[in-house]
Each structure stands twice: as structure tokens, then as C-alpha cells.
Amino acid sequence: MVDSNVDNIKSQMRKGVLEYCILSTLRRNDAYASSLIVELKEAQMIVVEGTLYPLLTRLKNQGLLSYRWEESTQGPPRKYYSLTEKGREALAEMDAAWREVVESVEYIKNK
């Protein structure tokens, strides 16, 4: 029973930082959804298409992302996402908030 509770907590924590991870990934370079999924899975931020696509749409609708279509040599055209200026500003705020959270948790753990 404890293991499933821990798994649930870990899952909720991942969901809570998924948006931050996506924006951080796109800070480095533009990417299409499948490559985002691969990178997030490599980081053990387990994500599936059913989770990622609605999140990308929401971030685009908030003005944090834009996209362009590019032809692919391996199938249909790909939608590449990139950060907008508003997305870069939001990411800078998330960076600061993340540092605050980590500092607070470390303070509590080490008190």
C-alpha cells in the first residue's frame, strides 16, 4: 500500500513540474511533440501523448509557445514548437519560483 501511495505522490510531483520542464526544454531549441516525449522520458518525467498534446495546446493558447510546420523526410510534416517572448518571461519567473521551492524544501529537510 505504501508503494502505490509513493508512486501517486511522485506522479503528482511530475505533473506539477511538467509545464516547467517543457518550457525549459524549448529554451534550448525548438522541438516537435515526439522529440519532447523522448526527452522527457529520458529524464524519467514519464509522459504520454494524451498528456502532452493538451498541455502544448494550452501553452500555445496562453501565448507562451508558437509553432511552425516543417516538412519531414520521414513522414508527414512536423509541428515544431518554440518559446515566445512571453514564454521566455514566464520561464524566467518559473526558474525563480523553482529556486524558492527547492530552498524552502531544503530548509525544512535540514532544520
N, C-alpha and C. Protein backbone atom coordinates (compact mmCIF):
# COMPACT_ATOMS: atom_id res chain seq x y z
N MET A 1 0.82 -1.20 0.00
CA MET A 1 0.00 0.00 0.00
C MET A 1 0.86 1.25 0.00
N VAL A 2 1.95 1.23 0.74
CA VAL A 2 2.83 2.39 0.81
C VAL A 2 3.42 2.69 -0.57
N ASP A 3 3.84 1.66 -1.31
CA ASP A 3 4.44 1.87 -2.62
C ASP A 3 3.51 2.59 -3.57
N SER A 4 2.23 2.23 -3.60
CA SER A 4 1.30 2.89 -4.51
C SER A 4 1.08 4.34 -4.10
N ASN A 5 1.13 4.62 -2.79
CA ASN A 5 1.00 6.00 -2.33
C ASN A 5 2.21 6.82 -2.77
N VAL A 6 3.40 6.25 -2.64
CA VAL A 6 4.62 6.94 -3.07
C VAL A 6 4.59 7.17 -4.57
N ASP A 7 4.16 6.15 -5.32
CA ASP A 7 4.05 6.30 -6.77
C ASP A 7 3.08 7.42 -7.14
N ASN A 8 1.98 7.51 -6.42
CA ASN A 8 1.00 8.56 -6.68
C ASN A 8 1.59 9.93 -6.39
N ILE A 9 2.31 10.05 -5.30
CA ILE A 9 2.94 11.32 -4.95
C ILE A 9 3.96 11.72 -6.02
N LYS A 10 4.77 10.75 -6.44
CA LYS A 10 5.77 11.03 -7.47
C LYS A 10 5.09 11.47 -8.77
N SER A 11 4.00 10.82 -9.11
CA SER A 11 3.26 11.17 -10.32
C SER A 11 2.71 12.59 -10.24
N GLN A 12 2.16 12.94 -9.09
CA GLN A 12 1.62 14.29 -8.91
C GLN A 12 2.72 15.35 -8.97
N MET A 13 3.88 15.03 -8.41
CA MET A 13 5.01 15.96 -8.46
C MET A 13 5.46 16.17 -9.90
N ARG A 14 5.53 15.09 -10.66
CA ARG A 14 5.92 15.21 -12.07
C ARG A 14 4.94 16.08 -12.84
N LYS A 15 3.65 15.83 -12.63
CA LYS A 15 2.63 16.63 -13.33
C LYS A 15 2.77 18.10 -12.98
N GLY A 16 3.11 18.37 -11.73
CA GLY A 16 3.23 19.74 -11.28
C GLY A 16 4.36 20.51 -11.93
N VAL A 17 5.40 19.80 -12.37
CA VAL A 17 6.55 20.48 -12.97
C VAL A 17 6.67 20.21 -14.48
N LEU A 18 5.72 19.51 -15.05
CA LEU A 18 5.79 19.16 -16.46
C LEU A 18 5.82 20.40 -17.36
N GLU A 19 4.98 21.37 -17.08
CA GLU A 19 4.96 22.60 -17.87
C GLU A 19 6.33 23.28 -17.81
N TYR A 20 6.89 23.35 -16.63
CA TYR A 20 8.22 23.95 -16.44
C TYR A 20 9.27 23.19 -17.25
N CYS A 21 9.21 21.87 -17.23
CA CYS A 21 10.16 21.05 -17.98
C CYS A 21 10.02 21.25 -19.49
N ILE A 22 8.81 21.37 -19.97
CA ILE A 22 8.58 21.59 -21.40
C ILE A 22 9.16 22.93 -21.81
N LEU A 23 8.86 23.97 -21.06
CA LEU A 23 9.39 25.29 -21.40
C LEU A 23 10.91 25.30 -21.31
N SER A 24 11.47 24.62 -20.31
CA SER A 24 12.93 24.55 -20.18
C SER A 24 13.55 23.84 -21.37
N THR A 25 12.92 22.78 -21.83
CA THR A 25 13.42 22.05 -22.99
C THR A 25 13.40 22.94 -24.23
N LEU A 26 12.32 23.67 -24.39
CA LEU A 26 12.19 24.52 -25.58
C LEU A 26 13.08 25.76 -25.50
N ARG A 27 13.59 26.08 -24.31
CA ARG A 27 14.54 27.20 -24.19
C ARG A 27 15.79 26.88 -25.01
N ARG A 28 16.20 25.62 -25.02
CA ARG A 28 17.43 25.20 -25.71
C ARG A 28 17.25 25.19 -27.22
N ASN A 29 16.15 24.65 -27.69
CA ASN A 29 15.90 24.60 -29.13
C ASN A 29 14.45 24.22 -29.39
N ASP A 30 13.97 24.57 -30.57
CA ASP A 30 12.62 24.22 -30.98
C ASP A 30 12.51 22.70 -31.07
N ALA A 31 11.30 22.18 -30.88
CA ALA A 31 11.13 20.73 -30.90
C ALA A 31 9.70 20.38 -31.31
N TYR A 32 9.53 19.19 -31.82
CA TYR A 32 8.19 18.67 -32.12
C TYR A 32 7.78 17.73 -30.99
N ALA A 33 6.51 17.42 -30.91
CA ALA A 33 5.96 16.71 -29.75
C ALA A 33 6.66 15.38 -29.49
N SER A 34 6.91 14.60 -30.52
CA SER A 34 7.53 13.29 -30.31
C SER A 34 8.93 13.43 -29.71
N SER A 35 9.68 14.42 -30.14
CA SER A 35 11.02 14.60 -29.58
C SER A 35 10.93 15.09 -28.13
N LEU A 36 9.91 15.88 -27.81
CA LEU A 36 9.70 16.29 -26.42
C LEU A 36 9.40 15.08 -25.54
N ILE A 37 8.56 14.18 -26.04
CA ILE A 37 8.22 12.98 -25.28
C ILE A 37 9.48 12.16 -25.02
N VAL A 38 10.33 11.98 -26.03
CA VAL A 38 11.56 11.20 -25.86
C VAL A 38 12.44 11.85 -24.80
N GLU A 39 12.63 13.16 -24.89
CA GLU A 39 13.50 13.84 -23.93
C GLU A 39 12.94 13.77 -22.51
N LEU A 40 11.63 13.94 -22.37
CA LEU A 40 11.02 13.88 -21.04
C LEU A 40 11.10 12.47 -20.47
N LYS A 41 10.93 11.46 -21.32
CA LYS A 41 11.06 10.07 -20.85
C LYS A 41 12.50 9.76 -20.44
N GLU A 42 13.48 10.30 -21.19
CA GLU A 42 14.88 10.09 -20.82
C GLU A 42 15.17 10.66 -19.43
N ALA A 43 14.48 11.75 -19.09
CA ALA A 43 14.66 12.38 -17.79
C ALA A 43 13.75 11.73 -16.73
N GLN A 44 13.07 10.66 -17.11
CA GLN A 44 12.14 9.95 -16.25
C GLN A 44 10.96 10.82 -15.81
N MET A 45 10.62 11.78 -16.64
CA MET A 45 9.40 12.58 -16.47
C MET A 45 8.37 11.91 -17.37
N ILE A 46 7.91 10.77 -16.97
CA ILE A 46 7.07 9.91 -17.81
C ILE A 46 5.86 10.70 -18.31
N VAL A 47 5.72 10.72 -19.62
CA VAL A 47 4.62 11.46 -20.23
C VAL A 47 4.17 10.71 -21.48
N VAL A 48 2.88 10.80 -21.76
CA VAL A 48 2.31 10.17 -22.95
C VAL A 48 1.68 11.25 -23.81
N GLU A 49 1.44 10.92 -25.05
CA GLU A 49 0.88 11.90 -25.98
C GLU A 49 -0.41 12.50 -25.46
N GLY A 50 -1.23 11.68 -24.82
CA GLY A 50 -2.51 12.15 -24.30
C GLY A 50 -2.36 13.22 -23.23
N THR A 51 -1.20 13.26 -22.59
CA THR A 51 -0.91 14.30 -21.60
C THR A 51 -0.25 15.50 -22.26
N LEU A 52 0.67 15.23 -23.19
CA LEU A 52 1.48 16.29 -23.77
C LEU A 52 0.70 17.21 -24.71
N TYR A 53 -0.07 16.65 -25.62
CA TYR A 53 -0.73 17.49 -26.62
C TYR A 53 -1.69 18.53 -26.02
N PRO A 54 -2.53 18.17 -25.08
CA PRO A 54 -3.38 19.21 -24.47
C PRO A 54 -2.56 20.28 -23.75
N LEU A 55 -1.46 19.88 -23.13
CA LEU A 55 -0.61 20.84 -22.45
C LEU A 55 0.05 21.79 -23.45
N LEU A 56 0.54 21.27 -24.56
CA LEU A 56 1.12 22.13 -25.60
C LEU A 56 0.08 23.10 -26.15
N THR A 57 -1.12 22.63 -26.36
CA THR A 57 -2.20 23.50 -26.84
C THR A 57 -2.50 24.60 -25.83
N ARG A 58 -2.56 24.24 -24.56
CA ARG A 58 -2.84 25.25 -23.52
C ARG A 58 -1.72 26.28 -23.47
N LEU A 59 -0.47 25.83 -23.53
CA LEU A 59 0.66 26.77 -23.50
C LEU A 59 0.64 27.69 -24.73
N LYS A 60 0.26 27.14 -25.88
CA LYS A 60 0.14 27.96 -27.09
C LYS A 60 -0.98 28.97 -26.93
N ASN A 61 -2.12 28.54 -26.40
CA ASN A 61 -3.26 29.45 -26.22
C ASN A 61 -2.96 30.55 -25.20
N GLN A 62 -2.05 30.27 -24.27
CA GLN A 62 -1.64 31.28 -23.28
C GLN A 62 -0.60 32.24 -23.86
N GLY A 63 -0.17 31.97 -25.08
CA GLY A 63 0.82 32.82 -25.73
C GLY A 63 2.25 32.52 -25.33
N LEU A 64 2.48 31.37 -24.67
CA LEU A 64 3.83 31.02 -24.23
C LEU A 64 4.61 30.27 -25.31
N LEU A 65 3.89 29.64 -26.24
CA LEU A 65 4.51 28.90 -27.33
C LEU A 65 3.93 29.35 -28.66
N SER A 66 4.73 29.20 -29.69
CA SER A 66 4.23 29.32 -31.06
C SER A 66 4.68 28.04 -31.77
N TYR A 67 4.20 27.84 -32.99
CA TYR A 67 4.63 26.66 -33.73
C TYR A 67 4.70 26.98 -35.21
N ARG A 68 5.44 26.13 -35.90
CA ARG A 68 5.54 26.21 -37.35
C ARG A 68 5.55 24.78 -37.88
N TRP A 69 5.11 24.61 -39.10
CA TRP A 69 5.13 23.30 -39.73
C TRP A 69 6.41 23.17 -40.56
N GLU A 70 7.05 22.01 -40.47
CA GLU A 70 8.24 21.73 -41.28
C GLU A 70 8.06 20.38 -41.95
N GLU A 71 8.45 20.34 -43.21
CA GLU A 71 8.41 19.07 -43.93
C GLU A 71 9.38 18.09 -43.28
N SER A 72 9.04 16.83 -43.32
CA SER A 72 9.88 15.79 -42.75
C SER A 72 10.26 14.80 -43.83
N THR A 73 11.48 14.30 -43.78
CA THR A 73 11.90 13.27 -44.73
C THR A 73 11.34 11.91 -44.32
N GLN A 74 10.80 11.84 -43.09
CA GLN A 74 10.30 10.56 -42.57
C GLN A 74 8.82 10.68 -42.23
N GLY A 75 7.99 10.96 -43.21
CA GLY A 75 6.56 11.00 -42.95
C GLY A 75 5.97 12.38 -43.14
N PRO A 76 4.85 12.62 -42.47
CA PRO A 76 4.14 13.89 -42.66
C PRO A 76 4.90 15.08 -42.06
N PRO A 77 4.48 16.30 -42.40
CA PRO A 77 5.13 17.48 -41.81
C PRO A 77 5.02 17.44 -40.29
N ARG A 78 5.98 18.08 -39.64
CA ARG A 78 6.01 18.11 -38.17
C ARG A 78 5.74 19.53 -37.68
N LYS A 79 5.04 19.57 -36.57
CA LYS A 79 4.75 20.85 -35.92
C LYS A 79 5.85 21.10 -34.89
N TYR A 80 6.69 22.10 -35.15
CA TYR A 80 7.77 22.46 -34.23
C TYR A 80 7.31 23.59 -33.33
N TYR A 81 7.48 23.38 -32.02
CA TYR A 81 7.11 24.37 -31.03
C TYR A 81 8.33 25.19 -30.63
N SER A 82 8.10 26.46 -30.34
CA SER A 82 9.17 27.33 -29.85
C SER A 82 8.59 28.28 -28.81
N LEU A 83 9.48 28.78 -27.96
CA LEU A 83 9.07 29.74 -26.93
C LEU A 83 8.83 31.10 -27.56
N THR A 84 7.81 31.77 -27.12
CA THR A 84 7.59 33.16 -27.49
C THR A 84 8.32 34.03 -26.46
N GLU A 85 8.32 35.32 -26.69
CA GLU A 85 8.92 36.21 -25.69
C GLU A 85 8.18 36.09 -24.37
N LYS A 86 6.85 36.00 -24.45
CA LYS A 86 6.05 35.82 -23.23
C LYS A 86 6.41 34.49 -22.55
N GLY A 87 6.69 33.47 -23.33
CA GLY A 87 7.10 32.18 -22.79
C GLY A 87 8.45 32.26 -22.09
N ARG A 88 9.37 33.04 -22.66
CA ARG A 88 10.68 33.23 -22.02
C ARG A 88 10.54 33.97 -20.69
N GLU A 89 9.65 34.95 -20.67
CA GLU A 89 9.40 35.68 -19.42
C GLU A 89 8.78 34.76 -18.37
N ALA A 90 7.80 33.95 -18.80
CA ALA A 90 7.16 33.01 -17.87
C ALA A 90 8.18 32.00 -17.34
N LEU A 91 9.07 31.55 -18.21
CA LEU A 91 10.09 30.59 -17.80
C LEU A 91 11.05 31.21 -16.79
N ALA A 92 11.42 32.46 -16.99
CA ALA A 92 12.29 33.14 -16.03
C ALA A 92 11.61 33.22 -14.66
N GLU A 93 10.31 33.48 -14.65
CA GLU A 93 9.56 33.51 -13.38
C GLU A 93 9.50 32.11 -12.76
N MET A 94 9.33 31.08 -13.60
CA MET A 94 9.31 29.71 -13.09
C MET A 94 10.66 29.32 -12.53
N ASP A 95 11.75 29.76 -13.19
CA ASP A 95 13.10 29.49 -12.68
C ASP A 95 13.25 30.04 -11.26
N ALA A 96 12.80 31.27 -11.07
CA ALA A 96 12.91 31.90 -9.75
C ALA A 96 12.03 31.16 -8.73
N ALA A 97 10.81 30.81 -9.14
CA ALA A 97 9.90 30.10 -8.23
C ALA A 97 10.48 28.72 -7.88
N TRP A 98 11.08 28.04 -8.85
CA TRP A 98 11.67 26.73 -8.60
C TRP A 98 12.79 26.84 -7.56
N ARG A 99 13.66 27.83 -7.72
CA ARG A 99 14.75 28.01 -6.75
C ARG A 99 14.19 28.24 -5.36
N GLU A 100 13.11 29.04 -5.25
CA GLU A 100 12.50 29.29 -3.95
C GLU A 100 11.94 28.01 -3.34
N VAL A 101 11.27 27.20 -4.15
CA VAL A 101 10.70 25.95 -3.66
C VAL A 101 11.81 25.02 -3.18
N VAL A 102 12.85 24.87 -3.98
CA VAL A 102 13.96 23.98 -3.60
C VAL A 102 14.60 24.48 -2.31
N GLU A 103 14.84 25.77 -2.20
CA GLU A 103 15.44 26.32 -0.98
C GLU A 103 14.54 26.07 0.23
N SER A 104 13.25 26.24 0.06
CA SER A 104 12.32 26.02 1.17
C SER A 104 12.30 24.56 1.60
N VAL A 105 12.25 23.66 0.64
CA VAL A 105 12.24 22.24 0.96
C VAL A 105 13.55 21.85 1.63
N GLU A 106 14.67 22.34 1.12
CA GLU A 106 15.96 22.03 1.74
C GLU A 106 16.03 22.58 3.15
N TYR A 107 15.49 23.77 3.37
CA TYR A 107 15.48 24.36 4.71
C TYR A 107 14.71 23.45 5.66
N ILE A 108 13.53 23.03 5.22
CA ILE A 108 12.68 22.17 6.06
C ILE A 108 13.37 20.83 6.33
N LYS A 109 13.94 20.23 5.30
CA LYS A 109 14.61 18.94 5.47
C LYS A 109 15.81 19.03 6.41
N ASN A 110 16.52 20.12 6.35
CA ASN A 110 17.78 20.23 7.09
C ASN A 110 17.66 20.96 8.41
N LYS A 111 16.47 21.39 8.78
CA LYS A 111 16.28 22.14 10.02
C LYS A 111 16.49 21.27 11.24
